């Protein structure tokens, strides 16, 4: 009967994760690629930031759309736990693909990562 606080936690964490992911993507991918396109010198970039942004966006969407009853996998039903781990895996795969895409874009713009 006390499902409301967990749902609210899921929504809160989902929004925080989504906003943080969008922020990471903007600051660590978008701005850096724009600066590279303008051939600016002394660029600093974080490859961790490139990977974390997409992970947070996908995981935030998972929390907002599916609203798991618990945020701890050991407290989930077996089916919910499978969905949770599939989403974590998809988030990691997207992070790696984004990193590879970013590295390719930087190379095409004349930067060696």
C-alpha atoms as a PDB file:
ATOM      1  CA  UNK A   1       0.000   0.000   0.000  1.00  0.00           C
ATOM      2  CA  UNK A   2       3.013   2.254   0.410  1.00  0.00           C
ATOM      3  CA  UNK A   3       3.965   2.319  -3.280  1.00  0.00           C
ATOM      4  CA  UNK A   4       3.682   6.076  -3.723  1.00  0.00           C
ATOM      5  CA  UNK A   5       7.022   7.090  -2.143  1.00  0.00           C
ATOM      6  CA  UNK A   6       8.930   4.530  -4.234  1.00  0.00           C
ATOM      7  CA  UNK A   7       7.223   5.769  -7.401  1.00  0.00           C
ATOM      8  CA  UNK A   8       8.114   9.328  -6.476  1.00  0.00           C
ATOM      9  CA  UNK A   9      11.722   8.286  -5.831  1.00  0.00           C
ATOM     10  CA  UNK A  10      11.835   6.631  -9.226  1.00  0.00           C
ATOM     11  CA  UNK A  11      10.480   9.767 -10.908  1.00  0.00           C
ATOM     12  CA  UNK A  12      12.867  12.026  -8.976  1.00  0.00           C
ATOM     13  CA  UNK A  13      15.913   9.887  -9.745  1.00  0.00           C
ATOM     14  CA  UNK A  14      14.780   9.542 -13.355  1.00  0.00           C
ATOM     15  CA  UNK A  15      14.525  13.313 -13.821  1.00  0.00           C
ATOM     16  CA  UNK A  16      17.880  13.882 -12.108  1.00  0.00           C
ATOM     17  CA  UNK A  17      19.526  11.198 -14.231  1.00  0.00           C
ATOM     18  CA  UNK A  18      17.984  12.502 -17.454  1.00  0.00           C
ATOM     19  CA  UNK A  19      18.963  16.125 -16.776  1.00  0.00           C
ATOM     20  CA  UNK A  20      22.475  15.116 -15.726  1.00  0.00           C
ATOM     21  CA  UNK A  21      22.837  12.957 -18.851  1.00  0.00           C
ATOM     22  CA  UNK A  22      21.721  15.775 -21.128  1.00  0.00           C
ATOM     23  CA  UNK A  23      24.156  18.080 -19.334  1.00  0.00           C
ATOM     24  CA  UNK A  24      27.009  15.623 -19.814  1.00  0.00           C
ATOM     25  CA  UNK A  25      26.166  15.244 -23.498  1.00  0.00           C
ATOM     26  CA  UNK A  26      26.059  19.004 -23.985  1.00  0.00           C
ATOM     27  CA  UNK A  27      29.259  19.820 -22.094  1.00  0.00           C
ATOM     28  CA  UNK A  28      31.387  16.810 -22.995  1.00  0.00           C
ATOM     29  CA  UNK A  29      30.237  16.005 -26.530  1.00  0.00           C
ATOM     30  CA  UNK A  30      28.318  18.813 -28.235  1.00  0.00           C
ATOM     31  CA  UNK A  31      30.468  21.765 -27.116  1.00  0.00           C
ATOM     32  CA  UNK A  32      33.723  19.909 -27.724  1.00  0.00           C
ATOM     33  CA  UNK A  33      32.738  18.830 -31.235  1.00  0.00           C
ATOM     34  CA  UNK A  34      31.669  22.400 -32.052  1.00  0.00           C
ATOM     35  CA  UNK A  35      35.034  23.689 -30.809  1.00  0.00           C
ATOM     36  CA  UNK A  36      36.834  21.031 -32.848  1.00  0.00           C
ATOM     37  CA  UNK A  37      34.871  22.030 -35.943  1.00  0.00           C
ATOM     38  CA  UNK A  38      36.037  25.614 -35.386  1.00  0.00           C
ATOM     39  CA  UNK A  39      39.636  24.326 -35.045  1.00  0.00           C
ATOM     40  CA  UNK A  40      40.113  25.868 -31.607  1.00  0.00           C
ATOM     41  CA  UNK A  41      43.353  25.210 -29.751  1.00  0.00           C
ATOM     42  CA  UNK A  42      43.874  23.970 -26.198  1.00  0.00           C
ATOM     43  CA  UNK A  43      40.764  21.826 -26.079  1.00  0.00           C
ATOM     44  CA  UNK A  44      40.216  19.678 -23.051  1.00  0.00           C
ATOM     45  CA  UNK A  45      37.842  16.783 -23.229  1.00  0.00           C
ATOM     46  CA  UNK A  46      36.781  14.014 -20.914  1.00  0.00           C
ATOM     47  CA  UNK A  47      36.294  10.602 -22.418  1.00  0.00           C
ATOM     48  CA  UNK A  48      34.543   9.561 -19.211  1.00  0.00           C
ATOM     49  CA  UNK A  49      32.054  12.376 -19.762  1.00  0.00           C
ATOM     50  CA  UNK A  50      31.416  11.092 -23.273  1.00  0.00           C
ATOM     51  CA  UNK A  51      30.465   7.687 -21.890  1.00  0.00           C
ATOM     52  CA  UNK A  52      28.539   8.776 -18.811  1.00  0.00           C
ATOM     53  CA  UNK A  53      26.059  11.075 -20.599  1.00  0.00           C
ATOM     54  CA  UNK A  54      24.337   8.449 -22.766  1.00  0.00           C
ATOM     55  CA  UNK A  55      24.270   5.990 -19.855  1.00  0.00           C
ATOM     56  CA  UNK A  56      22.469   8.514 -17.658  1.00  0.00           C
ATOM     57  CA  UNK A  57      19.965   9.433 -20.378  1.00  0.00           C
ATOM     58  CA  UNK A  58      18.944   5.828 -21.054  1.00  0.00           C
ATOM     59  CA  UNK A  59      18.807   4.939 -17.377  1.00  0.00           C
ATOM     60  CA  UNK A  60      16.818   8.106 -16.601  1.00  0.00           C
ATOM     61  CA  UNK A  61      14.305   7.224 -19.303  1.00  0.00           C
ATOM     62  CA  UNK A  62      14.040   3.713 -17.840  1.00  0.00           C
ATOM     63  CA  UNK A  63      13.251   5.160 -14.413  1.00  0.00           C
ATOM     64  CA  UNK A  64      10.712   7.624 -15.805  1.00  0.00           C
ATOM     65  CA  UNK A  65       8.908   5.267 -18.165  1.00  0.00           C
ATOM     66  CA  UNK A  66       8.883   1.975 -16.275  1.00  0.00           C
ATOM     67  CA  UNK A  67       8.972   3.373 -12.730  1.00  0.00           C
ATOM     68  CA  UNK A  68      10.339   0.292 -10.988  1.00  0.00           C
ATOM     69  CA  UNK A  69       8.774  -0.357  -7.570  1.00  0.00           C
ATOM     70  CA  UNK A  70      12.211  -0.600  -6.009  1.00  0.00           C
ATOM     71  CA  UNK A  71      15.514   0.916  -7.023  1.00  0.00           C
ATOM     72  CA  UNK A  72      17.458  -2.063  -5.631  1.00  0.00           C
ATOM     73  CA  UNK A  73      17.683  -5.107  -7.935  1.00  0.00           C
ATOM     74  CA  UNK A  74      17.593  -7.589  -5.047  1.00  0.00           C
ATOM     75  CA  UNK A  75      14.169  -6.217  -4.017  1.00  0.00           C
ATOM     76  CA  UNK A  76      12.637  -6.533  -7.500  1.00  0.00           C
ATOM     77  CA  UNK A  77      10.566  -9.352  -8.893  1.00  0.00           C
ATOM     78  CA  UNK A  78      12.520 -11.667 -11.229  1.00  0.00           C
ATOM     79  CA  UNK A  79      10.977 -10.175 -14.383  1.00  0.00           C
ATOM     80  CA  UNK A  80      11.632  -6.611 -13.191  1.00  0.00           C
ATOM     81  CA  UNK A  81      15.213  -7.577 -12.386  1.00  0.00           C
ATOM     82  CA  UNK A  82      15.707  -8.881 -15.947  1.00  0.00           C
ATOM     83  CA  UNK A  83      14.364  -5.635 -17.409  1.00  0.00           C
ATOM     84  CA  UNK A  84      16.625  -3.662 -15.057  1.00  0.00           C
ATOM     85  CA  UNK A  85      19.760  -5.538 -16.147  1.00  0.00           C
ATOM     86  CA  UNK A  86      18.783  -5.325 -19.813  1.00  0.00           C
ATOM     87  CA  UNK A  87      18.468  -1.547 -19.463  1.00  0.00           C
ATOM     88  CA  UNK A  88      21.824  -1.315 -17.672  1.00  0.00           C
ATOM     89  CA  UNK A  89      23.384  -3.379 -20.477  1.00  0.00           C
ATOM     90  CA  UNK A  90      21.785  -1.218 -23.177  1.00  0.00           C
ATOM     91  CA  UNK A  91      23.032   1.892 -21.381  1.00  0.00           C
ATOM     92  CA  UNK A  92      26.578   0.536 -21.322  1.00  0.00           C
ATOM     93  CA  UNK A  93      26.449  -0.476 -24.995  1.00  0.00           C
ATOM     94  CA  UNK A  94      25.158   2.973 -25.969  1.00  0.00           C
ATOM     95  CA  UNK A  95      27.945   4.588 -23.945  1.00  0.00           C
ATOM     96  CA  UNK A  96      30.603   2.552 -25.753  1.00  0.00           C
ATOM     97  CA  UNK A  97      29.033   3.277 -29.157  1.00  0.00           C
ATOM     98  CA  UNK A  98      28.863   6.990 -28.351  1.00  0.00           C
ATOM     99  CA  UNK A  99      32.511   6.954 -27.309  1.00  0.00           C
ATOM    100  CA  UNK A 100      33.506   5.272 -30.581  1.00  0.00           C
ATOM    101  CA  UNK A 101      31.382   7.737 -32.574  1.00  0.00           C
ATOM    102  CA  UNK A 102      32.925  10.706 -30.717  1.00  0.00           C
ATOM    103  CA  UNK A 103      36.421   9.376 -31.355  1.00  0.00           C
ATOM    104  CA  UNK A 104      35.622   8.951 -35.066  1.00  0.00           C
ATOM    105  CA  UNK A 105      34.183  12.468 -35.310  1.00  0.00           C
ATOM    106  CA  UNK A 106      37.252  13.925 -33.595  1.00  0.00           C
ATOM    107  CA  UNK A 107      39.550  12.023 -35.963  1.00  0.00           C
ATOM    108  CA  UNK A 108      37.629  13.300 -38.983  1.00  0.00           C
ATOM    109  CA  UNK A 109      38.017  16.835 -37.650  1.00  0.00           C
ATOM    110  CA  UNK A 110      41.771  16.350 -37.402  1.00  0.00           C
ATOM    111  CA  UNK A 111      42.153  15.628 -33.679  1.00  0.00           C
ATOM    112  CA  UNK A 112      43.927  12.577 -32.356  1.00  0.00           C
ATOM    113  CA  UNK A 113      42.388  11.184 -29.173  1.00  0.00           C
END
